[in-house]
Amino acid sequence: MPLVQLKLGPADRDTPLSLDDFESAEYEPGYKYELIDGRLSVAPAPNLPENFLETWLYQELAVYHKRQPAILGYVTSKPRIFVEGRRRSTVPEPDIACYARIDLVGGLRDLAWRDMRPVLVCEILVDGDPAKDLVRNPELYLAVPSIKEYWVLDGRLDPERPTLIQHRRHGKRWIVREFPYGSTFTTKLLPGFSLRIDPYK
């Protein structure tokens, strides 16, 4: 007898799930789904202002990747990050992730998110739950040793004038700094990268 495919939506928030069920389920569109500590996390799909900021930041990182492929080998949106060492499966899906390298030796078909090691992850915060990006995610991403920095592009007050919140790994904790709208952000993680925090520039 064939297995019945799970069909999940916002009403199923906090439902316990195995990783296999999470990966094979069919989801009601219009929402973002993650598996956190073995339970389904549900958030509304990004609105247009959030998508605008995500596209802007992604393009800035993609341009850097083209200039410096030896430093950033891959930049993508909507990846999956596997957080090891927790009692139940935890797979957050940041808006953007950057990888120092991508191993294509075995061919593209053999690649899996579980095997990827991000060095930078980014979230865009406009109308979503700030606790997810500012409380939950710092803890989760700190538990992934390859992640050296976690950025939150915060447009809650005004998406046209966002603030960049940088979490930089320092041992077993984050050092957190805020870069206001109009300032220029640089980081040792990405030599030569310079970001004017203004989505219209």
N, C-alpha and C. Protein backbone atom coordinates (compact mmCIF):
# COMPACT_ATOMS: atom_id res chain seq x y z
N MET A 1 0.85 -1.19 0.00
CA MET A 1 0.00 0.00 0.00
C MET A 1 0.89 1.24 0.00
N PRO A 2 0.65 2.23 -0.90
CA PRO A 2 1.50 3.42 -0.94
C PRO A 2 1.31 4.28 0.30
N LEU A 3 2.38 4.93 0.71
CA LEU A 3 2.29 5.81 1.86
C LEU A 3 1.50 7.05 1.50
N VAL A 4 0.74 7.57 2.47
CA VAL A 4 -0.06 8.77 2.27
C VAL A 4 0.83 9.99 2.51
N GLN A 5 0.90 10.90 1.53
CA GLN A 5 1.72 12.09 1.69
C GLN A 5 1.03 13.08 2.61
N LEU A 6 1.78 13.59 3.57
CA LEU A 6 1.24 14.58 4.48
C LEU A 6 0.95 15.88 3.74
N LYS A 7 -0.17 16.51 4.07
CA LYS A 7 -0.49 17.83 3.54
C LYS A 7 -0.59 18.78 4.72
N LEU A 8 0.30 19.77 4.75
CA LEU A 8 0.43 20.62 5.92
C LEU A 8 0.21 22.09 5.56
N GLY A 9 -0.26 22.84 6.54
CA GLY A 9 -0.49 24.27 6.35
C GLY A 9 -0.33 25.00 7.67
N PRO A 10 -0.74 26.27 7.72
CA PRO A 10 -0.54 27.06 8.94
C PRO A 10 -1.26 26.50 10.16
N ALA A 11 -2.33 25.78 9.96
CA ALA A 11 -3.05 25.19 11.10
C ALA A 11 -2.23 24.08 11.77
N ASP A 12 -1.20 23.61 11.08
CA ASP A 12 -0.38 22.53 11.63
C ASP A 12 0.87 23.04 12.35
N ARG A 13 0.91 24.34 12.61
CA ARG A 13 2.02 24.91 13.36
C ARG A 13 2.27 24.14 14.66
N ASP A 14 3.52 23.87 14.95
CA ASP A 14 3.97 23.20 16.18
C ASP A 14 3.68 21.69 16.17
N THR A 15 3.27 21.14 15.04
CA THR A 15 3.04 19.70 14.94
C THR A 15 4.36 18.94 15.00
N PRO A 16 4.49 17.89 15.82
CA PRO A 16 5.72 17.09 15.82
C PRO A 16 5.88 16.38 14.47
N LEU A 17 7.10 16.43 13.92
CA LEU A 17 7.36 15.79 12.63
C LEU A 17 8.75 15.17 12.65
N SER A 18 8.89 14.06 11.93
CA SER A 18 10.22 13.54 11.66
C SER A 18 10.81 14.32 10.50
N LEU A 19 12.12 14.22 10.34
CA LEU A 19 12.77 14.90 9.21
C LEU A 19 12.25 14.35 7.89
N ASP A 20 12.04 13.05 7.80
CA ASP A 20 11.53 12.45 6.57
C ASP A 20 10.15 12.99 6.23
N ASP A 21 9.27 13.08 7.22
CA ASP A 21 7.93 13.61 6.97
C ASP A 21 7.99 15.08 6.56
N PHE A 22 8.86 15.83 7.22
CA PHE A 22 8.99 17.25 6.88
C PHE A 22 9.43 17.43 5.44
N GLU A 23 10.40 16.62 5.01
CA GLU A 23 10.96 16.78 3.67
C GLU A 23 10.03 16.26 2.59
N SER A 24 9.15 15.32 2.92
CA SER A 24 8.29 14.73 1.90
C SER A 24 6.88 15.32 1.86
N ALA A 25 6.53 16.16 2.84
CA ALA A 25 5.17 16.69 2.93
C ALA A 25 4.86 17.66 1.79
N GLU A 26 3.58 17.82 1.53
CA GLU A 26 3.09 18.85 0.61
C GLU A 26 2.56 20.01 1.45
N TYR A 27 2.95 21.23 1.08
CA TYR A 27 2.65 22.39 1.93
C TYR A 27 1.70 23.36 1.25
N GLU A 28 0.81 23.92 2.06
CA GLU A 28 -0.07 24.98 1.56
C GLU A 28 0.79 26.19 1.20
N PRO A 29 0.64 26.73 0.00
CA PRO A 29 1.48 27.86 -0.40
C PRO A 29 1.15 29.13 0.37
N GLY A 30 2.09 30.07 0.31
CA GLY A 30 1.89 31.36 0.97
C GLY A 30 2.51 31.46 2.34
N TYR A 31 3.27 30.42 2.74
CA TYR A 31 3.88 30.40 4.06
C TYR A 31 5.29 29.83 3.96
N LYS A 32 6.10 30.12 4.97
CA LYS A 32 7.44 29.58 5.08
C LYS A 32 7.44 28.53 6.19
N TYR A 33 7.95 27.35 5.89
CA TYR A 33 7.93 26.23 6.82
C TYR A 33 9.36 25.83 7.19
N GLU A 34 9.58 25.60 8.49
CA GLU A 34 10.87 25.13 8.98
C GLU A 34 10.61 24.03 10.01
N LEU A 35 11.61 23.19 10.21
CA LEU A 35 11.54 22.17 11.25
C LEU A 35 12.50 22.57 12.36
N ILE A 36 11.95 22.90 13.53
CA ILE A 36 12.75 23.37 14.65
C ILE A 36 12.49 22.48 15.85
N ASP A 37 13.53 21.78 16.31
CA ASP A 37 13.41 20.86 17.44
C ASP A 37 12.27 19.87 17.23
N GLY A 38 12.17 19.35 16.00
CA GLY A 38 11.20 18.32 15.70
C GLY A 38 9.77 18.79 15.56
N ARG A 39 9.56 20.09 15.50
CA ARG A 39 8.20 20.62 15.36
C ARG A 39 8.14 21.60 14.18
N LEU A 40 6.96 21.67 13.57
CA LEU A 40 6.77 22.51 12.39
C LEU A 40 6.64 23.97 12.80
N SER A 41 7.51 24.79 12.24
CA SER A 41 7.43 26.25 12.43
C SER A 41 6.85 26.86 11.16
N VAL A 42 5.89 27.77 11.32
CA VAL A 42 5.21 28.36 10.17
C VAL A 42 5.24 29.88 10.29
N ALA A 43 5.58 30.53 9.20
CA ALA A 43 5.58 32.00 9.15
C ALA A 43 4.99 32.43 7.81
N PRO A 44 4.39 33.61 7.74
CA PRO A 44 3.87 34.09 6.46
C PRO A 44 4.99 34.23 5.43
N ALA A 45 4.66 34.03 4.18
CA ALA A 45 5.63 34.27 3.11
C ALA A 45 6.03 35.73 3.11
N PRO A 46 7.24 36.05 2.66
CA PRO A 46 7.69 37.44 2.68
C PRO A 46 6.77 38.36 1.89
N ASN A 47 6.53 39.56 2.45
CA ASN A 47 5.80 40.57 1.70
C ASN A 47 6.77 41.26 0.74
N LEU A 48 6.25 42.18 -0.06
CA LEU A 48 7.09 42.79 -1.09
C LEU A 48 8.25 43.61 -0.50
N PRO A 49 8.04 44.43 0.55
CA PRO A 49 9.19 45.16 1.10
C PRO A 49 10.31 44.23 1.58
N GLU A 50 9.93 43.12 2.22
CA GLU A 50 10.95 42.18 2.68
C GLU A 50 11.66 41.53 1.50
N ASN A 51 10.89 41.17 0.48
CA ASN A 51 11.49 40.59 -0.72
C ASN A 51 12.42 41.56 -1.42
N PHE A 52 12.06 42.84 -1.43
CA PHE A 52 12.90 43.88 -2.04
C PHE A 52 14.25 43.94 -1.34
N LEU A 53 14.24 43.96 -0.01
CA LEU A 53 15.49 44.02 0.75
C LEU A 53 16.30 42.75 0.57
N GLU A 54 15.63 41.61 0.53
CA GLU A 54 16.35 40.35 0.33
C GLU A 54 17.04 40.33 -1.03
N THR A 55 16.32 40.77 -2.06
CA THR A 55 16.89 40.79 -3.41
C THR A 55 18.10 41.71 -3.47
N TRP A 56 18.00 42.87 -2.83
CA TRP A 56 19.11 43.82 -2.82
C TRP A 56 20.34 43.23 -2.15
N LEU A 57 20.17 42.65 -0.96
CA LEU A 57 21.31 42.10 -0.24
C LEU A 57 21.89 40.89 -0.99
N TYR A 58 21.02 40.05 -1.51
CA TYR A 58 21.49 38.90 -2.27
C TYR A 58 22.33 39.33 -3.47
N GLN A 59 21.87 40.35 -4.19
CA GLN A 59 22.61 40.81 -5.36
C GLN A 59 23.97 41.38 -4.97
N GLU A 60 24.04 42.09 -3.84
CA GLU A 60 25.33 42.61 -3.39
C GLU A 60 26.31 41.48 -3.08
N LEU A 61 25.82 40.43 -2.43
CA LEU A 61 26.68 39.29 -2.12
C LEU A 61 27.03 38.49 -3.37
N ALA A 62 26.09 38.40 -4.30
CA ALA A 62 26.36 37.68 -5.55
C ALA A 62 27.42 38.38 -6.38
N VAL A 63 27.40 39.70 -6.39
CA VAL A 63 28.43 40.46 -7.11
C VAL A 63 29.80 40.18 -6.49
N TYR A 64 29.86 40.17 -5.15
CA TYR A 64 31.12 39.86 -4.48
C TYR A 64 31.58 38.45 -4.82
N HIS A 65 30.66 37.51 -4.84
CA HIS A 65 30.99 36.13 -5.20
C HIS A 65 31.62 36.06 -6.59
N LYS A 66 31.08 36.81 -7.55
CA LYS A 66 31.63 36.80 -8.91
C LYS A 66 33.04 37.38 -8.93
N ARG A 67 33.30 38.39 -8.07
CA ARG A 67 34.63 39.00 -8.02
C ARG A 67 35.62 38.16 -7.23
N GLN A 68 35.12 37.47 -6.20
CA GLN A 68 35.99 36.75 -5.27
C GLN A 68 35.50 35.31 -5.07
N PRO A 69 35.47 34.49 -6.12
CA PRO A 69 34.96 33.12 -5.97
C PRO A 69 35.80 32.25 -5.07
N ALA A 70 37.07 32.62 -4.84
CA ALA A 70 37.90 31.84 -3.94
C ALA A 70 37.53 32.07 -2.48
N ILE A 71 36.82 33.17 -2.21
CA ILE A 71 36.39 33.47 -0.84
C ILE A 71 34.95 33.03 -0.62
N LEU A 72 34.08 33.39 -1.57
CA LEU A 72 32.69 32.92 -1.54
C LEU A 72 32.46 32.07 -2.78
N GLY A 73 32.36 30.77 -2.56
CA GLY A 73 32.19 29.88 -3.70
C GLY A 73 30.76 29.71 -4.14
N TYR A 74 29.79 30.09 -3.25
CA TYR A 74 28.38 29.89 -3.59
C TYR A 74 27.53 30.80 -2.72
N VAL A 75 26.55 31.45 -3.34
CA VAL A 75 25.60 32.31 -2.64
C VAL A 75 24.20 31.89 -3.09
N THR A 76 23.31 31.69 -2.14
CA THR A 76 21.98 31.23 -2.52
C THR A 76 20.91 31.79 -1.58
N SER A 77 19.69 31.76 -2.05
CA SER A 77 18.54 32.12 -1.22
C SER A 77 17.76 30.85 -0.89
N LYS A 78 17.12 30.86 0.24
CA LYS A 78 16.28 29.76 0.71
C LYS A 78 16.99 28.41 0.81
N PRO A 79 18.16 28.38 1.47
CA PRO A 79 18.82 27.08 1.70
C PRO A 79 18.23 26.41 2.94
N ARG A 80 18.75 25.26 3.26
CA ARG A 80 18.44 24.58 4.52
C ARG A 80 19.74 24.41 5.30
N ILE A 81 19.68 24.73 6.59
CA ILE A 81 20.84 24.59 7.48
C ILE A 81 20.52 23.50 8.50
N PHE A 82 21.33 22.46 8.53
CA PHE A 82 21.12 21.38 9.48
C PHE A 82 21.92 21.67 10.76
N VAL A 83 21.21 21.81 11.86
CA VAL A 83 21.83 22.09 13.15
C VAL A 83 22.00 20.77 13.88
N GLU A 84 23.23 20.33 14.02
CA GLU A 84 23.51 19.06 14.67
C GLU A 84 23.57 19.24 16.19
N GLY A 85 23.44 18.13 16.90
CA GLY A 85 23.62 18.15 18.34
C GLY A 85 22.39 18.49 19.14
N ARG A 86 21.24 18.68 18.49
CA ARG A 86 20.00 18.92 19.23
C ARG A 86 19.24 17.60 19.32
N ARG A 87 18.38 17.49 20.30
CA ARG A 87 17.68 16.22 20.54
C ARG A 87 16.79 15.84 19.38
N ARG A 88 16.19 16.83 18.73
CA ARG A 88 15.30 16.54 17.60
C ARG A 88 15.73 17.36 16.40
N SER A 89 15.34 16.89 15.23
CA SER A 89 15.78 17.50 13.97
C SER A 89 15.46 18.99 13.95
N THR A 90 16.46 19.78 13.55
CA THR A 90 16.34 21.23 13.49
C THR A 90 16.95 21.71 12.18
N VAL A 91 16.08 22.28 11.33
CA VAL A 91 16.50 22.66 9.98
C VAL A 91 15.95 24.05 9.65
N PRO A 92 16.57 25.12 10.18
CA PRO A 92 16.13 26.46 9.79
C PRO A 92 16.46 26.75 8.33
N GLU A 93 15.73 27.69 7.75
CA GLU A 93 15.92 28.05 6.35
C GLU A 93 16.11 29.57 6.25
N PRO A 94 17.36 30.03 6.36
CA PRO A 94 17.60 31.48 6.28
C PRO A 94 17.26 32.04 4.91
N ASP A 95 17.12 33.35 4.84
CA ASP A 95 16.81 33.98 3.56
C ASP A 95 17.97 33.88 2.59
N ILE A 96 19.20 33.98 3.10
CA ILE A 96 20.40 33.93 2.26
C ILE A 96 21.46 33.14 3.01
N ALA A 97 22.24 32.37 2.27
CA ALA A 97 23.40 31.69 2.86
C ALA A 97 24.57 31.77 1.88
N CYS A 98 25.77 31.88 2.44
CA CYS A 98 26.99 31.96 1.63
C CYS A 98 27.94 30.86 2.08
N TYR A 99 28.63 30.29 1.10
CA TYR A 99 29.52 29.16 1.34
C TYR A 99 30.89 29.47 0.78
N ALA A 100 31.93 29.08 1.51
CA ALA A 100 33.29 29.34 1.04
C ALA A 100 33.60 28.51 -0.19
N ARG A 101 33.01 27.33 -0.26
CA ARG A 101 33.29 26.47 -1.42
C ARG A 101 32.10 25.56 -1.65
N ILE A 102 32.01 25.05 -2.86
CA ILE A 102 31.01 24.05 -3.21
C ILE A 102 31.74 22.94 -3.96
N ASP A 103 31.60 21.74 -3.47
CA ASP A 103 32.34 20.60 -4.00
C ASP A 103 31.51 19.91 -5.08
N LEU A 104 31.93 20.06 -6.32
CA LEU A 104 31.22 19.45 -7.44
C LEU A 104 31.94 18.22 -7.99
N VAL A 105 32.89 17.70 -7.21
CA VAL A 105 33.68 16.57 -7.69
C VAL A 105 32.78 15.38 -8.01
N GLY A 106 31.81 15.11 -7.16
CA GLY A 106 30.92 13.98 -7.37
C GLY A 106 29.76 14.27 -8.28
N GLY A 107 29.65 15.50 -8.77
CA GLY A 107 28.53 15.87 -9.62
C GLY A 107 27.44 16.56 -8.82
N LEU A 108 26.67 17.38 -9.50
CA LEU A 108 25.63 18.18 -8.85
C LEU A 108 24.57 17.31 -8.19
N ARG A 109 24.26 16.18 -8.78
CA ARG A 109 23.20 15.32 -8.24
C ARG A 109 23.53 14.80 -6.84
N ASP A 110 24.81 14.71 -6.52
CA ASP A 110 25.21 14.16 -5.22
C ASP A 110 25.23 15.20 -4.11
N LEU A 111 25.00 16.47 -4.43
CA LEU A 111 25.02 17.50 -3.40
C LEU A 111 23.77 17.43 -2.54
N ALA A 112 23.92 17.70 -1.24
CA ALA A 112 22.79 17.74 -0.32
C ALA A 112 23.01 18.87 0.67
N TRP A 113 21.91 19.51 1.10
CA TRP A 113 22.04 20.61 2.06
C TRP A 113 22.76 20.17 3.32
N ARG A 114 22.54 18.93 3.75
CA ARG A 114 23.15 18.44 4.99
C ARG A 114 24.68 18.50 4.93
N ASP A 115 25.22 18.38 3.73
CA ASP A 115 26.67 18.33 3.57
C ASP A 115 27.31 19.71 3.37
N MET A 116 26.50 20.74 3.24
CA MET A 116 27.02 22.08 2.97
C MET A 116 27.40 22.77 4.29
N ARG A 117 28.42 23.61 4.22
CA ARG A 117 28.93 24.28 5.42
C ARG A 117 28.92 25.80 5.19
N PRO A 118 27.85 26.47 5.56
CA PRO A 118 27.79 27.92 5.34
C PRO A 118 28.75 28.68 6.24
N VAL A 119 29.28 29.79 5.73
CA VAL A 119 30.11 30.67 6.55
C VAL A 119 29.34 31.92 6.98
N LEU A 120 28.27 32.22 6.25
CA LEU A 120 27.47 33.42 6.52
C LEU A 120 26.02 33.11 6.23
N VAL A 121 25.12 33.49 7.13
CA VAL A 121 23.68 33.39 6.89
C VAL A 121 23.04 34.74 7.18
N CYS A 122 21.97 35.04 6.46
CA CYS A 122 21.31 36.34 6.57
C CYS A 122 19.80 36.16 6.65
N GLU A 123 19.17 36.97 7.47
CA GLU A 123 17.71 37.03 7.54
C GLU A 123 17.26 38.46 7.31
N ILE A 124 16.08 38.60 6.68
CA ILE A 124 15.48 39.91 6.45
C ILE A 124 14.28 40.03 7.37
N LEU A 125 14.22 41.10 8.14
CA LEU A 125 13.16 41.29 9.13
C LEU A 125 12.40 42.57 8.83
N VAL A 126 11.12 42.42 8.45
CA VAL A 126 10.27 43.59 8.22
C VAL A 126 8.99 43.43 9.05
N ASP A 127 8.14 42.49 8.66
CA ASP A 127 6.87 42.29 9.37
C ASP A 127 6.82 40.96 10.12
N GLY A 128 7.89 40.21 10.09
CA GLY A 128 7.88 38.90 10.73
C GLY A 128 8.02 38.99 12.24
N ASP A 129 8.17 37.82 12.86
CA ASP A 129 8.33 37.72 14.31
C ASP A 129 9.78 38.05 14.66
N PRO A 130 10.03 39.17 15.34
CA PRO A 130 11.42 39.52 15.65
C PRO A 130 12.11 38.49 16.54
N ALA A 131 11.35 37.78 17.37
CA ALA A 131 11.97 36.78 18.25
C ALA A 131 12.61 35.66 17.44
N LYS A 132 12.05 35.35 16.28
CA LYS A 132 12.63 34.28 15.45
C LYS A 132 14.03 34.67 14.99
N ASP A 133 14.17 35.89 14.47
CA ASP A 133 15.45 36.31 13.90
C ASP A 133 16.43 36.82 14.94
N LEU A 134 15.94 37.37 16.04
CA LEU A 134 16.83 38.02 17.01
C LEU A 134 17.07 37.21 18.28
N VAL A 135 16.27 36.19 18.53
CA VAL A 135 16.43 35.37 19.73
C VAL A 135 16.67 33.90 19.35
N ARG A 136 15.75 33.33 18.59
CA ARG A 136 15.87 31.91 18.23
C ARG A 136 17.07 31.65 17.33
N ASN A 137 17.16 32.38 16.24
CA ASN A 137 18.18 32.08 15.24
C ASN A 137 19.62 32.29 15.70
N PRO A 138 19.92 33.34 16.48
CA PRO A 138 21.30 33.43 16.97
C PRO A 138 21.76 32.19 17.71
N GLU A 139 20.87 31.61 18.52
CA GLU A 139 21.22 30.39 19.24
C GLU A 139 21.46 29.23 18.28
N LEU A 140 20.56 29.09 17.29
CA LEU A 140 20.69 27.97 16.36
C LEU A 140 21.95 28.11 15.51
N TYR A 141 22.20 29.30 14.97
CA TYR A 141 23.34 29.47 14.07
C TYR A 141 24.67 29.42 14.81
N LEU A 142 24.67 29.79 16.10
CA LEU A 142 25.90 29.67 16.88
C LEU A 142 26.29 28.20 17.05
N ALA A 143 25.30 27.31 16.98
CA ALA A 143 25.55 25.88 17.14
C ALA A 143 26.09 25.23 15.87
N VAL A 144 26.21 26.01 14.80
CA VAL A 144 26.77 25.49 13.54
C VAL A 144 28.18 26.04 13.42
N PRO A 145 29.22 25.24 13.67
CA PRO A 145 30.58 25.77 13.78
C PRO A 145 31.07 26.50 12.53
N SER A 146 30.60 26.14 11.35
CA SER A 146 31.10 26.77 10.12
C SER A 146 30.61 28.20 9.96
N ILE A 147 29.51 28.55 10.63
CA ILE A 147 28.93 29.89 10.46
C ILE A 147 29.75 30.90 11.26
N LYS A 148 30.42 31.79 10.56
CA LYS A 148 31.26 32.80 11.19
C LYS A 148 30.49 34.09 11.48
N GLU A 149 29.49 34.39 10.66
CA GLU A 149 28.69 35.60 10.88
C GLU A 149 27.23 35.32 10.54
N TYR A 150 26.37 36.05 11.25
CA TYR A 150 24.92 36.01 11.02
C TYR A 150 24.45 37.46 10.94
N TRP A 151 23.83 37.83 9.82
CA TRP A 151 23.35 39.19 9.62
C TRP A 151 21.83 39.22 9.64
N VAL A 152 21.28 40.26 10.25
CA VAL A 152 19.84 40.55 10.16
C VAL A 152 19.70 41.93 9.55
N LEU A 153 19.05 42.00 8.41
CA LEU A 153 18.74 43.29 7.80
C LEU A 153 17.37 43.69 8.32
N ASP A 154 17.36 44.67 9.21
CA ASP A 154 16.17 45.02 9.99
C ASP A 154 15.49 46.25 9.40
N GLY A 155 14.33 46.01 8.78
CA GLY A 155 13.56 47.11 8.20
C GLY A 155 12.23 47.32 8.89
N ARG A 156 12.14 46.96 10.17
CA ARG A 156 10.85 47.06 10.87
C ARG A 156 10.36 48.50 10.97
N LEU A 157 11.25 49.43 11.28
CA LEU A 157 10.82 50.82 11.42
C LEU A 157 10.52 51.45 10.07
N ASP A 158 11.37 51.16 9.09
CA ASP A 158 11.21 51.72 7.75
C ASP A 158 12.02 50.85 6.79
N PRO A 159 11.36 50.03 5.96
CA PRO A 159 12.12 49.16 5.06
C PRO A 159 12.98 49.92 4.05
N GLU A 160 12.71 51.20 3.86
CA GLU A 160 13.55 51.99 2.96
C GLU A 160 14.81 52.50 3.65
N ARG A 161 14.86 52.36 4.99
CA ARG A 161 16.01 52.82 5.76
C ARG A 161 16.40 51.72 6.77
N PRO A 162 16.85 50.57 6.28
CA PRO A 162 17.12 49.44 7.18
C PRO A 162 18.40 49.61 7.98
N THR A 163 18.49 48.83 9.03
CA THR A 163 19.68 48.70 9.85
C THR A 163 20.25 47.30 9.65
N LEU A 164 21.56 47.17 9.61
CA LEU A 164 22.19 45.85 9.53
C LEU A 164 22.70 45.48 10.92
N ILE A 165 22.25 44.34 11.43
CA ILE A 165 22.71 43.81 12.70
C ILE A 165 23.66 42.67 12.40
N GLN A 166 24.92 42.84 12.78
CA GLN A 166 25.95 41.83 12.53
C GLN A 166 26.22 41.03 13.79
N HIS A 167 26.13 39.71 13.68
CA HIS A 167 26.57 38.80 14.73
C HIS A 167 27.88 38.19 14.24
N ARG A 168 28.96 38.43 14.95
CA ARG A 168 30.27 37.91 14.56
C ARG A 168 30.75 36.93 15.63
N ARG A 169 31.10 35.72 15.18
CA ARG A 169 31.49 34.68 16.12
C ARG A 169 32.78 35.06 16.86
N HIS A 170 32.74 34.90 18.17
CA HIS A 170 33.91 35.11 19.01
C HIS A 170 33.91 33.99 20.03
N GLY A 171 34.62 32.91 19.71
CA GLY A 171 34.59 31.75 20.59
C GLY A 171 33.22 31.13 20.62
N LYS A 172 32.62 31.06 21.81
CA LYS A 172 31.31 30.43 21.97
C LYS A 172 30.19 31.45 22.12
N ARG A 173 30.42 32.65 21.62
CA ARG A 173 29.37 33.67 21.68
C ARG A 173 29.45 34.56 20.46
N TRP A 174 28.41 35.36 20.30
CA TRP A 174 28.38 36.36 19.24
C TRP A 174 28.79 37.71 19.78
N ILE A 175 29.53 38.45 19.00
CA ILE A 175 29.69 39.89 19.22
C ILE A 175 28.71 40.58 18.27
N VAL A 176 27.84 41.40 18.81
CA VAL A 176 26.75 41.98 18.03
C VAL A 176 27.00 43.48 17.85
N ARG A 177 26.92 43.94 16.60
CA ARG A 177 27.05 45.36 16.28
C ARG A 177 25.94 45.76 15.33
N GLU A 178 25.50 47.01 15.45
CA GLU A 178 24.47 47.53 14.55
C GLU A 178 25.08 48.60 13.66
N PHE A 179 24.70 48.54 12.39
CA PHE A 179 25.16 49.52 11.41
C PHE A 179 23.93 50.22 10.84
N PRO A 180 23.75 51.51 11.15
CA PRO A 180 22.52 52.19 10.77
C PRO A 180 22.43 52.47 9.28
N TYR A 181 21.24 52.81 8.87
CA TYR A 181 20.99 53.21 7.48
C TYR A 181 21.97 54.31 7.07
N GLY A 182 22.52 54.17 5.88
CA GLY A 182 23.43 55.18 5.34
C GLY A 182 24.88 54.95 5.69
N SER A 183 25.17 54.06 6.66
CA SER A 183 26.56 53.79 7.01
C SER A 183 27.15 52.77 6.03
N THR A 184 28.45 52.61 6.10
CA THR A 184 29.14 51.65 5.24
C THR A 184 29.65 50.50 6.09
N PHE A 185 29.26 49.31 5.70
CA PHE A 185 29.58 48.09 6.46
C PHE A 185 30.69 47.32 5.75
N THR A 186 31.71 46.93 6.51
CA THR A 186 32.75 46.03 6.02
C THR A 186 32.96 44.94 7.06
N THR A 187 33.56 43.84 6.64
CA THR A 187 33.82 42.73 7.54
C THR A 187 35.07 41.98 7.11
N LYS A 188 35.85 41.52 8.09
CA LYS A 188 37.05 40.75 7.79
C LYS A 188 36.71 39.41 7.15
N LEU A 189 35.48 38.95 7.34
CA LEU A 189 35.08 37.69 6.73
C LEU A 189 35.13 37.77 5.21
N LEU A 190 34.82 38.96 4.65
CA LEU A 190 34.77 39.15 3.21
C LEU A 190 35.71 40.29 2.82
N PRO A 191 36.99 40.02 2.68
CA PRO A 191 37.94 41.09 2.35
C PRO A 191 37.56 41.81 1.06
N GLY A 192 37.53 43.14 1.14
CA GLY A 192 37.19 43.94 -0.03
C GLY A 192 35.71 44.17 -0.21
N PHE A 193 34.88 43.53 0.61
CA PHE A 193 33.43 43.74 0.52
C PHE A 193 33.06 45.02 1.25
N SER A 194 32.29 45.88 0.59
CA SER A 194 31.85 47.12 1.20
C SER A 194 30.38 47.33 0.85
N LEU A 195 29.56 47.50 1.88
CA LEU A 195 28.11 47.62 1.69
C LEU A 195 27.62 48.95 2.23
N ARG A 196 27.18 49.82 1.37
CA ARG A 196 26.48 51.03 1.80
C ARG A 196 25.06 50.63 2.13
N ILE A 197 24.66 50.81 3.37
CA ILE A 197 23.35 50.32 3.83
C ILE A 197 22.27 51.29 3.37
N ASP A 198 21.93 51.12 2.12
CA ASP A 198 20.92 51.93 1.45
C ASP A 198 20.45 51.14 0.23
N PRO A 199 19.25 50.56 0.27
CA PRO A 199 18.82 49.68 -0.84
C PRO A 199 18.61 50.40 -2.15
N TYR A 200 18.69 51.73 -2.15
CA TYR A 200 18.55 52.48 -3.41
C TYR A 200 19.89 52.88 -4.00
N LYS A 201 20.99 52.54 -3.34
CA LYS A 201 22.31 52.90 -3.85
C LYS A 201 22.98 51.71 -4.50
